[in-house]
Every structure is written in structure tokens, then in C-alpha cells.
Amino acid sequence: MRHRRGGYKLKRDIGARRALLRNLVTNVIDNERVITTVIKAKAARPLVDKMITLAKEDTLHTRRQAAAFLCSPGSVKKLFDKLGARFGQRNGGYTRITRLGPRKGDGAEQAMLELVGSELVKRAAERAKRKEEKLKAMREGRAEGEGGEEQKP
């Protein structure tokens, strides 16, 4: 019986399991979403939430705790600079698991582990990019129109 034995073993020894979860958490923080199996997503979710909770209190100690777990210094910087500020007013529930269906090769149930609000951030970035392109096109159109008028007289 496995009474009071929490967590997921993921059919790996402790070193491989820890490395897998560290890499998953680092990728979620870097890319704001990752596609993996449902069980791995459920195992990584509390760790991502813990990292974001650390980032809300931006001290040297919490930065060192996050750096000890995460795999890259860039992910630590993004965690504390962007994500800590973004989730500052939110009390938990920073991640979402969305089931995607079976994987083609082996039929394993896949899921997407993503940060809540990442779709809004990406949509806003796309909207700003489209607006910038539209303004650039309008400026080019005016410059061509003005250039044509100057050549007529």
C-alpha cells in the first residue's frame, strides 16, 4: 500500500525524475507552454506554481532558490522580471492543463501545460505587431504619394 506517499514516480529513478521535472518547469517558464503527457503535466504543475510564488517575493534568497532549481539563468530572469509582476495580485492557480488527445506514435494521452493569461499576452503582442505594420504601410503609402506629387510640377 502507498499510504501517505504523494507525488508521481513516472517510472524513473529519483535523479532522472528530478531532471525531467526541472527541464519541464524551465521550459514552461521560458515558453509559457509545453506539450507533454497528462501525468508529467500533473507532476510539473505544483513545481511551476511554487516557482511563481517564489517570484512574487523578489529577494536575493528567493532568486537563489529558483536558480538552484531552474536550468538556465535566462529563465530565472524572466521568472522574476516578467512573471512575478504579472501574477503579483493572483493567489495561486497560475497554470492550466488542457488535454489534447492521444499521441500519434504510442497513443499516450497528451496535455498542454500553460501559464494562465499567456494567450492574452501573445494576442496583445500580435495585435501590436499588426498595428505597427499597418502604420508602417500607411507611412510608406504617404511617402510614395508625396514623392509622386513632387515630381508632377
Protein backbone atom coordinates (compact mmCIF):
# COMPACT_ATOMS: atom_id res chain seq x y z
CA MET A 1 0.00 0.00 0.00
CA ARG A 2 1.18 3.51 -0.76
CA HIS A 3 -0.44 5.39 2.09
CA ARG A 4 0.95 8.90 2.57
CA ARG A 5 3.28 8.58 -0.41
CA GLY A 6 2.45 11.62 -2.54
CA GLY A 7 3.74 12.52 -5.96
CA TYR A 8 4.33 10.71 -9.22
CA LYS A 9 7.17 8.25 -9.87
CA LEU A 10 6.94 8.47 -13.69
CA LYS A 11 8.74 5.07 -13.97
CA ARG A 12 12.11 6.73 -13.30
CA ASP A 13 14.66 6.75 -10.53
CA ILE A 14 14.97 9.88 -8.41
CA GLY A 15 17.75 11.52 -10.46
CA ALA A 16 16.04 11.07 -13.81
CA ARG A 17 12.68 12.16 -12.38
CA ARG A 18 14.19 15.31 -10.84
CA ALA A 19 15.97 16.18 -14.11
CA LEU A 20 12.80 15.64 -16.13
CA LEU A 21 10.71 17.86 -13.86
CA ARG A 22 13.38 20.59 -13.71
CA ASN A 23 13.53 20.68 -17.52
CA LEU A 24 9.74 20.75 -17.83
CA VAL A 25 9.42 23.63 -15.35
CA THR A 26 12.22 25.57 -17.08
CA ASN A 27 10.54 25.12 -20.46
CA VAL A 28 7.15 26.24 -19.13
CA ILE A 29 8.72 29.40 -17.73
CA ASP A 30 10.68 30.10 -20.93
CA ASN A 31 7.94 29.33 -23.48
CA GLU A 32 4.85 29.79 -21.25
CA ARG A 33 3.50 26.45 -22.50
CA VAL A 34 4.71 22.92 -23.11
CA ILE A 35 3.07 19.84 -24.62
CA THR A 36 3.70 16.62 -22.71
CA THR A 37 1.78 13.66 -21.28
CA VAL A 38 -1.00 14.25 -18.77
CA ILE A 39 0.84 12.59 -15.88
CA LYS A 40 4.03 14.60 -16.46
CA ALA A 41 1.97 17.80 -16.65
CA LYS A 42 0.25 16.95 -13.36
CA ALA A 43 3.62 16.26 -11.76
CA ALA A 44 5.19 19.52 -13.00
CA ARG A 45 2.24 21.78 -12.21
CA PRO A 46 2.87 22.24 -8.45
CA LEU A 47 6.54 22.95 -9.13
CA VAL A 48 5.69 25.71 -11.64
CA ASP A 49 3.27 27.21 -9.14
CA LYS A 50 5.96 27.10 -6.45
CA MET A 51 8.45 28.92 -8.71
CA ILE A 52 5.94 31.66 -9.49
CA THR A 53 5.13 32.02 -5.80
CA LEU A 54 8.85 32.48 -5.15
CA ALA A 55 8.99 35.13 -7.88
CA LYS A 56 6.25 37.19 -6.24
CA GLU A 57 8.63 37.89 -3.35
CA ASP A 58 11.70 39.21 -5.15
CA THR A 59 14.59 38.83 -2.71
CA LEU A 60 18.11 37.51 -3.12
CA HIS A 61 17.18 34.37 -1.18
CA THR A 62 14.19 33.53 -3.42
CA ARG A 63 16.28 34.22 -6.55
CA ARG A 64 18.90 31.77 -5.32
CA GLN A 65 16.24 29.17 -4.52
CA ALA A 66 14.80 29.48 -8.03
CA ALA A 67 18.27 29.43 -9.62
CA ALA A 68 19.07 26.22 -7.74
CA PHE A 69 16.06 24.52 -9.33
CA LEU A 70 15.80 26.05 -12.81
CA CYS A 71 18.24 25.04 -15.55
CA SER A 72 19.08 28.40 -17.17
CA PRO A 73 19.82 31.90 -15.86
CA GLY A 74 17.57 33.39 -18.54
CA SER A 75 14.56 31.56 -17.16
CA VAL A 76 15.33 32.87 -13.65
CA LYS A 77 15.49 36.43 -15.04
CA LYS A 78 12.20 36.04 -16.91
CA LEU A 79 10.56 34.45 -13.87
CA PHE A 80 11.38 37.35 -11.56
CA ASP A 81 11.15 40.24 -14.04
CA LYS A 82 8.02 39.33 -16.00
CA LEU A 83 6.07 36.50 -14.40
CA GLY A 84 6.41 37.65 -10.80
CA ALA A 85 4.97 41.03 -11.72
CA ARG A 86 2.26 39.51 -13.93
CA PHE A 87 0.95 37.19 -11.22
CA GLY A 88 1.57 39.55 -8.30
CA GLN A 89 -2.12 40.05 -7.49
CA ARG A 90 -3.16 36.43 -8.13
CA ASN A 91 -3.37 33.95 -5.23
CA GLY A 92 -2.46 30.64 -6.85
CA GLY A 93 -3.82 28.90 -9.92
CA TYR A 94 -1.08 30.11 -12.25
CA THR A 95 -1.19 27.13 -14.62
CA ARG A 96 -3.73 25.31 -16.74
CA ILE A 97 -3.69 21.74 -18.06
CA THR A 98 -5.58 21.21 -21.32
CA ARG A 99 -5.96 17.69 -22.66
CA LEU A 100 -5.11 17.36 -26.37
CA GLY A 101 -5.86 13.72 -27.17
CA PRO A 102 -3.69 10.70 -27.91
CA ARG A 103 -0.17 10.96 -29.32
CA LYS A 104 0.20 9.53 -32.82
CA GLY A 105 3.14 7.21 -32.16
CA ASP A 106 2.23 5.36 -28.97
CA GLY A 107 -1.26 6.60 -28.10
CA ALA A 108 -0.22 8.30 -24.85
CA GLU A 109 -2.70 10.91 -23.65
CA GLN A 110 -1.18 14.34 -24.28
CA ALA A 111 -1.80 17.62 -22.50
CA MET A 112 -0.66 21.21 -22.73
CA LEU A 113 0.64 22.78 -19.52
CA GLU A 114 0.47 26.55 -19.90
CA LEU A 115 0.52 29.66 -17.79
CA VAL A 116 -2.84 31.34 -17.29
CA GLY A 117 -3.07 34.54 -19.31
CA SER A 118 -0.31 33.59 -21.76
CA GLU A 119 -2.82 33.59 -24.62
CA LEU A 120 -3.77 37.18 -23.72
CA VAL A 121 -0.14 38.27 -23.71
CA LYS A 122 0.52 36.62 -27.07
CA ARG A 123 -2.67 38.08 -28.55
CA ALA A 124 -1.71 41.56 -27.37
CA ALA A 125 1.77 41.15 -28.89
CA GLU A 126 0.28 40.04 -32.20
CA ARG A 127 -2.17 42.94 -32.13
CA ALA A 128 0.65 45.42 -31.50
CA LYS A 129 2.69 43.90 -34.32
CA ARG A 130 -0.23 44.18 -36.78
CA LYS A 131 -0.84 47.77 -35.73
CA GLU A 132 2.83 48.62 -36.23
CA GLU A 133 2.82 47.02 -39.69
CA LYS A 134 -0.32 48.96 -40.63
CA LEU A 135 1.25 52.25 -39.51
CA LYS A 136 4.42 51.45 -41.44
CA ALA A 137 2.40 50.68 -44.57
CA MET A 138 0.48 53.96 -44.20
CA ARG A 139 3.74 55.92 -43.84
CA GLU A 140 5.18 54.25 -46.93
CA GLY A 141 1.97 55.00 -48.82
CA ARG A 142 2.16 58.68 -47.86
CA ALA A 143 5.83 58.88 -48.75
CA GLU A 144 5.11 57.41 -52.20
CA GLY A 145 2.11 59.70 -52.64
CA GLU A 146 4.05 62.79 -51.60
CA GLY A 147 7.00 61.78 -53.76
CA GLY A 148 4.72 61.42 -56.79
CA GLU A 149 3.19 64.85 -56.25
CA GLU A 150 6.58 66.49 -56.03
CA GLN A 151 7.58 65.07 -59.40
CA LYS A 152 4.44 66.35 -61.22
CA PRO A 153 5.15 70.13 -61.21
